[in-house]
Amino acid sequence: MLNDRLLVELDDDAAERRTGGGILIPATAAMGKRLAWANVVAAGEHVRQVAVGDRVLFDPEDRAEVELSGRTYLLLREKDVHGVADPRAGGEGTGLYL
């Protein structure tokens, strides 16, 4: 990866969601703007606040898709990341550092 670019892989649950009542909401359902979670697979040399293996929150409309070895990944700029999940959060707070 070059400069401030991130290569991310969407979480498995990004395609379909299930409500608390058990109703399945397909990915094609029209809703308001919703952010998505992804795992960072690779990072460029100028990325400062995100590391490989981090789980990031981003706007799925600001993305570019790429297929590598039969798998689909997304390309993002570091500035397009809205938050990073804190894996050390033990149930207190939001578990995010923004």
PDB file of N, CA and C in Angstrom:
ATOM      1  N   MET A   1       0.837  -1.172   0.000  1.00  0.00           N
ATOM      2  CA  MET A   1       0.000   0.000   0.000  1.00  0.00           C
ATOM      3  C   MET A   1       0.888   1.244   0.000  1.00  0.00           C
ATOM      4  N   LEU A   2       0.428   2.273  -0.645  1.00  0.00           N
ATOM      5  CA  LEU A   2       1.195   3.510  -0.751  1.00  0.00           C
ATOM      6  C   LEU A   2       0.577   4.617   0.105  1.00  0.00           C
ATOM      7  N   ASN A   3       1.415   5.519   0.559  1.00  0.00           N
ATOM      8  CA  ASN A   3       1.033   6.744   1.245  1.00  0.00           C
ATOM      9  C   ASN A   3       0.069   6.503   2.406  1.00  0.00           C
ATOM     10  N   ASP A   4      -1.114   7.149   2.357  1.00  0.00           N
ATOM     11  CA  ASP A   4      -2.060   7.086   3.472  1.00  0.00           C
ATOM     12  C   ASP A   4      -3.214   6.119   3.191  1.00  0.00           C
ATOM     13  N   ARG A   5      -2.995   5.157   2.328  1.00  0.00           N
ATOM     14  CA  ARG A   5      -4.061   4.232   1.932  1.00  0.00           C
ATOM     15  C   ARG A   5      -4.154   3.035   2.876  1.00  0.00           C
ATOM     16  N   LEU A   6      -5.392   2.529   3.019  1.00  0.00           N
ATOM     17  CA  LEU A   6      -5.669   1.333   3.808  1.00  0.00           C
ATOM     18  C   LEU A   6      -6.374   0.321   2.928  1.00  0.00           C
ATOM     19  N   LEU A   7      -6.022  -0.928   3.062  1.00  0.00           N
ATOM     20  CA  LEU A   7      -6.723  -2.025   2.415  1.00  0.00           C
ATOM     21  C   LEU A   7      -7.500  -2.723   3.509  1.00  0.00           C
ATOM     22  N   VAL A   8      -8.830  -2.755   3.375  1.00  0.00           N
ATOM     23  CA  VAL A   8      -9.667  -3.327   4.427  1.00  0.00           C
ATOM     24  C   VAL A   8     -10.585  -4.393   3.856  1.00  0.00           C
ATOM     25  N   GLU A   9     -11.011  -5.278   4.738  1.00  0.00           N
ATOM     26  CA  GLU A   9     -11.951  -6.336   4.381  1.00  0.00           C
ATOM     27  C   GLU A   9     -13.191  -6.147   5.233  1.00  0.00           C
ATOM     28  N   LEU A  10     -14.352  -6.068   4.596  1.00  0.00           N
ATOM     29  CA  LEU A  10     -15.602  -5.866   5.319  1.00  0.00           C
ATOM     30  C   LEU A  10     -15.863  -6.994   6.301  1.00  0.00           C
ATOM     31  N   ASP A  11     -16.458  -6.641   7.433  1.00  0.00           N
ATOM     32  CA  ASP A  11     -16.873  -7.662   8.400  1.00  0.00           C
ATOM     33  C   ASP A  11     -17.916  -8.566   7.757  1.00  0.00           C
ATOM     34  N   ASP A  12     -18.000  -9.797   8.237  1.00  0.00           N
ATOM     35  CA  ASP A  12     -18.968 -10.753   7.691  1.00  0.00           C
ATOM     36  C   ASP A  12     -20.398 -10.295   7.878  1.00  0.00           C
ATOM     37  N   ASP A  13     -20.681  -9.567   8.957  1.00  0.00           N
ATOM     38  CA  ASP A  13     -22.046  -9.151   9.237  1.00  0.00           C
ATOM     39  C   ASP A  13     -22.432  -7.868   8.503  1.00  0.00           C
ATOM     40  N   ALA A  14     -21.577  -7.338   7.630  1.00  0.00           N
ATOM     41  CA  ALA A  14     -21.853  -6.082   6.942  1.00  0.00           C
ATOM     42  C   ALA A  14     -22.921  -6.233   5.866  1.00  0.00           C
ATOM     43  N   ALA A  15     -23.076  -7.416   5.314  1.00  0.00           N
ATOM     44  CA  ALA A  15     -24.021  -7.606   4.227  1.00  0.00           C
ATOM     45  C   ALA A  15     -25.471  -7.612   4.721  1.00  0.00           C
ATOM     46  N   GLU A  16     -25.772  -8.369   5.715  1.00  0.00           N
ATOM     47  CA  GLU A  16     -27.139  -8.459   6.236  1.00  0.00           C
ATOM     48  C   GLU A  16     -27.122  -8.224   7.731  1.00  0.00           C
ATOM     49  N   ARG A  17     -28.215  -7.658   8.232  1.00  0.00           N
ATOM     50  CA  ARG A  17     -28.334  -7.404   9.664  1.00  0.00           C
ATOM     51  C   ARG A  17     -29.598  -8.046  10.173  1.00  0.00           C
ATOM     52  N   ARG A  18     -29.615  -8.331  11.450  1.00  0.00           N
ATOM     53  CA  ARG A  18     -30.789  -8.912  12.090  1.00  0.00           C
ATOM     54  C   ARG A  18     -31.177  -8.004  13.252  1.00  0.00           C
ATOM     55  N   THR A  19     -32.456  -7.638  13.314  1.00  0.00           N
ATOM     56  CA  THR A  19     -32.931  -6.788  14.398  1.00  0.00           C
ATOM     57  C   THR A  19     -33.008  -7.584  15.690  1.00  0.00           C
ATOM     58  N   GLY A  20     -33.233  -6.878  16.801  1.00  0.00           N
ATOM     59  CA  GLY A  20     -33.372  -7.545  18.094  1.00  0.00           C
ATOM     60  C   GLY A  20     -34.545  -8.513  18.123  1.00  0.00           C
ATOM     61  N   GLY A  21     -35.555  -8.242  17.302  1.00  0.00           N
ATOM     62  CA  GLY A  21     -36.732  -9.113  17.225  1.00  0.00           C
ATOM     63  C   GLY A  21     -36.560 -10.276  16.263  1.00  0.00           C
ATOM     64  N   GLY A  22     -35.409 -10.358  15.595  1.00  0.00           N
ATOM     65  CA  GLY A  22     -35.130 -11.481  14.710  1.00  0.00           C
ATOM     66  C   GLY A  22     -35.440 -11.244  13.247  1.00  0.00           C
ATOM     67  N   ILE A  23     -35.823 -10.030  12.869  1.00  0.00           N
ATOM     68  CA  ILE A  23     -36.136  -9.732  11.478  1.00  0.00           C
ATOM     69  C   ILE A  23     -34.831  -9.510  10.712  1.00  0.00           C
ATOM     70  N   LEU A  24     -34.694 -10.186   9.568  1.00  0.00           N
ATOM     71  CA  LEU A  24     -33.507 -10.079   8.730  1.00  0.00           C
ATOM     72  C   LEU A  24     -33.642  -8.886   7.794  1.00  0.00           C
ATOM     73  N   ILE A  25     -32.655  -7.983   7.815  1.00  0.00           N
ATOM     74  CA  ILE A  25     -32.654  -6.803   6.945  1.00  0.00           C
ATOM     75  C   ILE A  25     -31.556  -7.005   5.907  1.00  0.00           C
ATOM     76  N   PRO A  26     -31.913  -7.171   4.626  1.00  0.00           N
ATOM     77  CA  PRO A  26     -30.891  -7.398   3.590  1.00  0.00           C
ATOM     78  C   PRO A  26     -30.053  -6.155   3.348  1.00  0.00           C
ATOM     79  N   ALA A  27     -28.882  -6.343   2.763  1.00  0.00           N
ATOM     80  CA  ALA A  27     -27.962  -5.244   2.488  1.00  0.00           C
ATOM     81  C   ALA A  27     -28.547  -4.257   1.489  1.00  0.00           C
ATOM     82  N   THR A  28     -29.505  -4.701   0.666  1.00  0.00           N
ATOM     83  CA  THR A  28     -30.086  -3.840  -0.357  1.00  0.00           C
ATOM     84  C   THR A  28     -31.213  -2.969   0.179  1.00  0.00           C
ATOM     85  N   ALA A  29     -31.597  -3.124   1.430  1.00  0.00           N
ATOM     86  CA  ALA A  29     -32.682  -2.329   1.997  1.00  0.00           C
ATOM     87  C   ALA A  29     -32.272  -0.857   2.049  1.00  0.00           C
ATOM     88  N   ALA A  30     -33.197   0.010   1.624  1.00  0.00           N
ATOM     89  CA  ALA A  30     -32.912   1.446   1.629  1.00  0.00           C
ATOM     90  C   ALA A  30     -33.059   1.978   3.047  1.00  0.00           C
ATOM     91  N   MET A  31     -32.001   2.560   3.560  1.00  0.00           N
ATOM     92  CA  MET A  31     -32.004   3.132   4.896  1.00  0.00           C
ATOM     93  C   MET A  31     -31.245   4.450   4.834  1.00  0.00           C
ATOM     94  N   GLY A  32     -31.222   5.137   5.944  1.00  0.00           N
ATOM     95  CA  GLY A  32     -30.411   6.348   6.041  1.00  0.00           C
ATOM     96  C   GLY A  32     -28.945   5.987   5.965  1.00  0.00           C
ATOM     97  N   LYS A  33     -28.117   6.997   6.026  1.00  0.00           N
ATOM     98  CA  LYS A  33     -26.676   6.772   5.946  1.00  0.00           C
ATOM     99  C   LYS A  33     -26.215   5.924   7.122  1.00  0.00           C
ATOM    100  N   ARG A  34     -25.562   4.821   6.843  1.00  0.00           N
ATOM    101  CA  ARG A  34     -25.117   3.900   7.877  1.00  0.00           C
ATOM    102  C   ARG A  34     -23.630   3.618   7.672  1.00  0.00           C
ATOM    103  N   LEU A  35     -22.859   3.726   8.745  1.00  0.00           N
ATOM    104  CA  LEU A  35     -21.436   3.427   8.685  1.00  0.00           C
ATOM    105  C   LEU A  35     -21.213   1.925   8.760  1.00  0.00           C
ATOM    106  N   ALA A  36     -20.063   1.469   8.288  1.00  0.00           N
ATOM    107  CA  ALA A  36     -19.749   0.040   8.253  1.00  0.00           C
ATOM    108  C   ALA A  36     -18.429  -0.230   8.967  1.00  0.00           C
ATOM    109  N   TRP A  37     -18.254  -1.480   9.407  1.00  0.00           N
ATOM    110  CA  TRP A  37     -17.025  -1.934  10.067  1.00  0.00           C
ATOM    111  C   TRP A  37     -16.221  -2.783   9.106  1.00  0.00           C
ATOM    112  N   ALA A  38     -14.905  -2.676   9.203  1.00  0.00           N
ATOM    113  CA  ALA A  38     -14.001  -3.496   8.387  1.00  0.00           C
ATOM    114  C   ALA A  38     -12.709  -3.724   9.152  1.00  0.00           C
ATOM    115  N   ASN A  39     -11.980  -4.762   8.766  1.00  0.00           N
ATOM    116  CA  ASN A  39     -10.690  -5.089   9.371  1.00  0.00           C
ATOM    117  C   ASN A  39      -9.567  -4.655   8.432  1.00  0.00           C
ATOM    118  N   VAL A  40      -8.555  -3.989   8.974  1.00  0.00           N
ATOM    119  CA  VAL A  40      -7.436  -3.501   8.174  1.00  0.00           C
ATOM    120  C   VAL A  40      -6.511  -4.668   7.828  1.00  0.00           C
ATOM    121  N   VAL A  41      -6.264  -4.850   6.536  1.00  0.00           N
ATOM    122  CA  VAL A  41      -5.416  -5.931   6.040  1.00  0.00           C
ATOM    123  C   VAL A  41      -4.011  -5.417   5.723  1.00  0.00           C
ATOM    124  N   ALA A  42      -3.926  -4.181   5.214  1.00  0.00           N
ATOM    125  CA  ALA A  42      -2.631  -3.580   4.886  1.00  0.00           C
ATOM    126  C   ALA A  42      -2.745  -2.063   5.036  1.00  0.00           C
ATOM    127  N   ALA A  43      -1.611  -1.435   5.339  1.00  0.00           N
ATOM    128  CA  ALA A  43      -1.585   0.013   5.525  1.00  0.00           C
ATOM    129  C   ALA A  43      -0.364   0.600   4.840  1.00  0.00           C
ATOM    130  N   GLY A  44      -0.532   1.801   4.279  1.00  0.00           N
ATOM    131  CA  GLY A  44       0.568   2.495   3.616  1.00  0.00           C
ATOM    132  C   GLY A  44       1.574   3.034   4.620  1.00  0.00           C
ATOM    133  N   GLU A  45       2.709   3.472   4.109  1.00  0.00           N
ATOM    134  CA  GLU A  45       3.811   3.911   4.974  1.00  0.00           C
ATOM    135  C   GLU A  45       3.520   5.201   5.728  1.00  0.00           C
ATOM    136  N   HIS A  46       2.581   6.009   5.268  1.00  0.00           N
ATOM    137  CA  HIS A  46       2.279   7.271   5.937  1.00  0.00           C
ATOM    138  C   HIS A  46       1.038   7.205   6.828  1.00  0.00           C
ATOM    139  N   VAL A  47       0.490   6.028   7.033  1.00  0.00           N
ATOM    140  CA  VAL A  47      -0.654   5.866   7.948  1.00  0.00           C
ATOM    141  C   VAL A  47      -0.111   5.926   9.369  1.00  0.00           C
ATOM    142  N   ARG A  48      -0.698   6.822  10.198  1.00  0.00           N
ATOM    143  CA  ARG A  48      -0.156   7.046  11.533  1.00  0.00           C
ATOM    144  C   ARG A  48      -1.022   6.492  12.662  1.00  0.00           C
ATOM    145  N   GLN A  49      -2.346   6.474  12.500  1.00  0.00           N
ATOM    146  CA  GLN A  49      -3.214   6.166  13.632  1.00  0.00           C
ATOM    147  C   GLN A  49      -3.929   4.828  13.524  1.00  0.00           C
ATOM    148  N   VAL A  50      -3.723   4.121  12.446  1.00  0.00           N
ATOM    149  CA  VAL A  50      -4.383   2.832  12.231  1.00  0.00           C
ATOM    150  C   VAL A  50      -3.301   1.799  11.935  1.00  0.00           C
ATOM    151  N   ALA A  51      -3.468   0.611  12.490  1.00  0.00           N
ATOM    152  CA  ALA A  51      -2.488  -0.463  12.266  1.00  0.00           C
ATOM    153  C   ALA A  51      -3.170  -1.675  11.635  1.00  0.00           C
ATOM    154  N   VAL A  52      -2.383  -2.517  11.003  1.00  0.00           N
ATOM    155  CA  VAL A  52      -2.903  -3.764  10.441  1.00  0.00           C
ATOM    156  C   VAL A  52      -3.512  -4.578  11.574  1.00  0.00           C
ATOM    157  N   GLY A  53      -4.718  -5.096  11.338  1.00  0.00           N
ATOM    158  CA  GLY A  53      -5.422  -5.870  12.347  1.00  0.00           C
ATOM    159  C   GLY A  53      -6.473  -5.065  13.100  1.00  0.00           C
ATOM    160  N   ASP A  54      -6.446  -3.723  12.990  1.00  0.00           N
ATOM    161  CA  ASP A  54      -7.451  -2.891  13.646  1.00  0.00           C
ATOM    162  C   ASP A  54      -8.804  -3.044  12.965  1.00  0.00           C
ATOM    163  N   ARG A  55      -9.853  -2.810  13.732  1.00  0.00           N
ATOM    164  CA  ARG A  55     -11.220  -2.805  13.209  1.00  0.00           C
ATOM    165  C   ARG A  55     -11.641  -1.350  13.102  1.00  0.00           C
ATOM    166  N   VAL A  56     -11.983  -0.896  11.885  1.00  0.00           N
ATOM    167  CA  VAL A  56     -12.260   0.515  11.641  1.00  0.00           C
ATOM    168  C   VAL A  56     -13.709   0.747  11.206  1.00  0.00           C
ATOM    169  N   LEU A  57     -14.193   1.950  11.518  1.00  0.00           N
ATOM    170  CA  LEU A  57     -15.535   2.388  11.168  1.00  0.00           C
ATOM    171  C   LEU A  57     -15.410   3.419  10.054  1.00  0.00           C
ATOM    172  N   PHE A  58     -16.162   3.243   8.953  1.00  0.00           N
ATOM    173  CA  PHE A  58     -16.038   4.144   7.808  1.00  0.00           C
ATOM    174  C   PHE A  58     -17.371   4.247   7.082  1.00  0.00           C
ATOM    175  N   ASP A  59     -17.465   5.223   6.204  1.00  0.00           N
ATOM    176  CA  ASP A  59     -18.656   5.421   5.378  1.00  0.00           C
ATOM    177  C   ASP A  59     -18.520   4.562   4.121  1.00  0.00           C
ATOM    178  N   PRO A  60     -19.411   3.587   3.925  1.00  0.00           N
ATOM    179  CA  PRO A  60     -19.265   2.689   2.768  1.00  0.00           C
ATOM    180  C   PRO A  60     -19.442   3.377   1.412  1.00  0.00           C
ATOM    181  N   GLU A  61     -19.959   4.605   1.389  1.00  0.00           N
ATOM    182  CA  GLU A  61     -20.101   5.305   0.116  1.00  0.00           C
ATOM    183  C   GLU A  61     -18.778   5.915  -0.346  1.00  0.00           C
ATOM    184  N   ASP A  62     -17.827   6.099   0.556  1.00  0.00           N
ATOM    185  CA  ASP A  62     -16.509   6.674   0.229  1.00  0.00           C
ATOM    186  C   ASP A  62     -15.476   5.567   0.082  1.00  0.00           C
ATOM    187  N   ARG A  63     -15.655   4.691  -0.880  1.00  0.00           N
ATOM    188  CA  ARG A  63     -14.755   3.547  -0.994  1.00  0.00           C
ATOM    189  C   ARG A  63     -14.500   3.188  -2.453  1.00  0.00           C
ATOM    190  N   ALA A  64     -13.481   2.385  -2.649  1.00  0.00           N
ATOM    191  CA  ALA A  64     -13.171   1.810  -3.953  1.00  0.00           C
ATOM    192  C   ALA A  64     -12.925   0.322  -3.724  1.00  0.00           C
ATOM    193  N   GLU A  65     -13.550  -0.528  -4.512  1.00  0.00           N
ATOM    194  CA  GLU A  65     -13.395  -1.976  -4.356  1.00  0.00           C
ATOM    195  C   GLU A  65     -12.290  -2.492  -5.253  1.00  0.00           C
ATOM    196  N   VAL A  66     -11.615  -3.536  -4.760  1.00  0.00           N
ATOM    197  CA  VAL A  66     -10.578  -4.202  -5.543  1.00  0.00           C
ATOM    198  C   VAL A  66     -10.648  -5.697  -5.228  1.00  0.00           C
ATOM    199  N   GLU A  67     -10.401  -6.522  -6.236  1.00  0.00           N
ATOM    200  CA  GLU A  67     -10.420  -7.968  -6.036  1.00  0.00           C
ATOM    201  C   GLU A  67      -8.989  -8.492  -6.148  1.00  0.00           C
ATOM    202  N   LEU A  68      -8.551  -9.195  -5.114  1.00  0.00           N
ATOM    203  CA  LEU A  68      -7.222  -9.793  -5.084  1.00  0.00           C
ATOM    204  C   LEU A  68      -7.349 -11.264  -4.723  1.00  0.00           C
ATOM    205  N   SER A  69      -6.827 -12.127  -5.545  1.00  0.00           N
ATOM    206  CA  SER A  69      -6.858 -13.578  -5.309  1.00  0.00           C
ATOM    207  C   SER A  69      -8.262 -14.078  -5.018  1.00  0.00           C
ATOM    208  N   GLY A  70      -9.244 -13.543  -5.725  1.00  0.00           N
ATOM    209  CA  GLY A  70     -10.614 -14.004  -5.576  1.00  0.00           C
ATOM    210  C   GLY A  70     -11.356 -13.438  -4.373  1.00  0.00           C
ATOM    211  N   ARG A  71     -10.756 -12.542  -3.612  1.00  0.00           N
ATOM    212  CA  ARG A  71     -11.408 -11.929  -2.447  1.00  0.00           C
ATOM    213  C   ARG A  71     -11.582 -10.439  -2.708  1.00  0.00           C
ATOM    214  N   THR A  72     -12.678  -9.878  -2.222  1.00  0.00           N
ATOM    215  CA  THR A  72     -12.967  -8.467  -2.430  1.00  0.00           C
ATOM    216  C   THR A  72     -12.523  -7.653  -1.218  1.00  0.00           C
ATOM    217  N   TYR A  73     -11.757  -6.602  -1.490  1.00  0.00           N
ATOM    218  CA  TYR A  73     -11.275  -5.690  -0.461  1.00  0.00           C
ATOM    219  C   TYR A  73     -11.703  -4.277  -0.828  1.00  0.00           C
ATOM    220  N   LEU A  74     -11.570  -3.366   0.115  1.00  0.00           N
ATOM    221  CA  LEU A  74     -11.876  -1.967  -0.111  1.00  0.00           C
ATOM    222  C   LEU A  74     -10.621  -1.132   0.106  1.00  0.00           C
ATOM    223  N   LEU A  75     -10.480  -0.083  -0.675  1.00  0.00           N
ATOM    224  CA  LEU A  75      -9.380   0.864  -0.500  1.00  0.00           C
ATOM    225  C   LEU A  75      -9.940   2.137   0.124  1.00  0.00           C
ATOM    226  N   LEU A  76      -9.313   2.596   1.194  1.00  0.00           N
ATOM    227  CA  LEU A  76      -9.728   3.813   1.888  1.00  0.00           C
ATOM    228  C   LEU A  76      -8.520   4.694   2.123  1.00  0.00           C
ATOM    229  N   ARG A  77      -8.766   5.969   2.336  1.00  0.00           N
ATOM    230  CA  ARG A  77      -7.731   6.873   2.831  1.00  0.00           C
ATOM    231  C   ARG A  77      -7.857   6.890   4.352  1.00  0.00           C
ATOM    232  N   GLU A  78      -6.766   7.131   5.027  1.00  0.00           N
ATOM    233  CA  GLU A  78      -6.810   7.168   6.491  1.00  0.00           C
ATOM    234  C   GLU A  78      -7.779   8.238   6.978  1.00  0.00           C
ATOM    235  N   LYS A  79      -7.888   9.350   6.276  1.00  0.00           N
ATOM    236  CA  LYS A  79      -8.781  10.429   6.699  1.00  0.00           C
ATOM    237  C   LYS A  79     -10.258  10.049   6.586  1.00  0.00           C
ATOM    238  N   ASP A  80     -10.593   8.992   5.829  1.00  0.00           N
ATOM    239  CA  ASP A  80     -11.978   8.551   5.687  1.00  0.00           C
ATOM    240  C   ASP A  80     -12.429   7.624   6.814  1.00  0.00           C
ATOM    241  N   VAL A  81     -11.521   7.263   7.707  1.00  0.00           N
ATOM    242  CA  VAL A  81     -11.863   6.403   8.841  1.00  0.00           C
ATOM    243  C   VAL A  81     -12.452   7.273   9.948  1.00  0.00           C
ATOM    244  N   HIS A  82     -13.632   6.901  10.437  1.00  0.00           N
ATOM    245  CA  HIS A  82     -14.323   7.667  11.474  1.00  0.00           C
ATOM    246  C   HIS A  82     -13.952   7.212  12.878  1.00  0.00           C
ATOM    247  N   GLY A  83     -13.548   5.975  13.038  1.00  0.00           N
ATOM    248  CA  GLY A  83     -13.191   5.471  14.355  1.00  0.00           C
ATOM    249  C   GLY A  83     -12.478   4.134  14.263  1.00  0.00           C
ATOM    250  N   VAL A  84     -11.800   3.774  15.359  1.00  0.00           N
ATOM    251  CA  VAL A  84     -11.086   2.504  15.447  1.00  0.00           C
ATOM    252  C   VAL A  84     -11.550   1.813  16.723  1.00  0.00           C
ATOM    253  N   ALA A  85     -11.947   0.554  16.609  1.00  0.00           N
ATOM    254  CA  ALA A  85     -12.407  -0.199  17.779  1.00  0.00           C
ATOM    255  C   ALA A  85     -11.237  -0.477  18.702  1.00  0.00           C
ATOM    256  N   ASP A  86     -11.461  -0.337  19.987  1.00  0.00           N
ATOM    257  CA  ASP A  86     -10.435  -0.596  20.983  1.00  0.00           C
ATOM    258  C   ASP A  86     -10.590  -2.031  21.473  1.00  0.00           C
ATOM    259  N   PRO A  87      -9.697  -2.940  21.109  1.00  0.00           N
ATOM    260  CA  PRO A  87      -9.853  -4.347  21.500  1.00  0.00           C
ATOM    261  C   PRO A  87      -9.685  -4.567  22.995  1.00  0.00           C
ATOM    262  N   ARG A  88      -9.135  -3.579  23.698  1.00  0.00           N
ATOM    263  CA  ARG A  88      -8.925  -3.732  25.136  1.00  0.00           C
ATOM    264  C   ARG A  88     -10.142  -3.347  25.958  1.00  0.00           C
ATOM    265  N   ALA A  89     -11.179  -2.800  25.323  1.00  0.00           N
ATOM    266  CA  ALA A  89     -12.362  -2.352  26.063  1.00  0.00           C
ATOM    267  C   ALA A  89     -13.031  -3.545  26.729  1.00  0.00           C
ATOM    268  N   GLY A  90     -13.206  -3.461  28.016  1.00  0.00           N
ATOM    269  CA  GLY A  90     -13.790  -4.568  28.771  1.00  0.00           C
ATOM    270  C   GLY A  90     -15.239  -4.336  29.147  1.00  0.00           C
ATOM    271  N   GLY A  91     -16.031  -3.761  28.243  1.00  0.00           N
ATOM    272  CA  GLY A  91     -17.445  -3.574  28.490  1.00  0.00           C
ATOM    273  C   GLY A  91     -17.790  -2.175  29.006  1.00  0.00           C
ATOM    274  N   GLU A  92     -16.791  -1.350  29.278  1.00  0.00           N
ATOM    275  CA  GLU A  92     -17.086   0.005  29.724  1.00  0.00           C
ATOM    276  C   GLU A  92     -16.897   0.977  28.573  1.00  0.00           C
ATOM    277  N   GLY A  93     -17.737   1.990  28.525  1.00  0.00           N
ATOM    278  CA  GLY A  93     -17.644   2.975  27.460  1.00  0.00           C
ATOM    279  C   GLY A  93     -18.079   2.407  26.131  1.00  0.00           C
ATOM    280  N   THR A  94     -17.697   3.089  25.062  1.00  0.00           N
ATOM    281  CA  THR A  94     -18.094   2.661  23.721  1.00  0.00           C
ATOM    282  C   THR A  94     -17.148   1.655  23.104  1.00  0.00           C
ATOM    283  N   GLY A  95     -15.919   1.581  23.618  1.00  0.00           N
ATOM    284  CA  GLY A  95     -14.928   0.685  23.017  1.00  0.00           C
ATOM    285  C   GLY A  95     -14.309   1.272  21.761  1.00  0.00           C
ATOM    286  N   LEU A  96     -14.481   2.594  21.567  1.00  0.00           N
ATOM    287  CA  LEU A  96     -13.933   3.261  20.402  1.00  0.00           C
ATOM    288  C   LEU A  96     -12.977   4.344  20.826  1.00  0.00           C
ATOM    289  N   TYR A  97     -11.956   4.548  20.037  1.00  0.00           N
ATOM    290  CA  TYR A  97     -11.188   5.772  20.189  1.00  0.00           C
ATOM    291  C   TYR A  97     -11.302   6.501  18.870  1.00  0.00           C
ATOM    292  N   LEU A  98     -11.728   7.754  18.910  1.00  0.00           N
ATOM    293  CA  LEU A  98     -12.024   8.527  17.707  1.00  0.00           C
ATOM    294  C   LEU A  98     -11.012   9.607  17.492  1.00  0.00           C
TER     295      LEU A  98
END
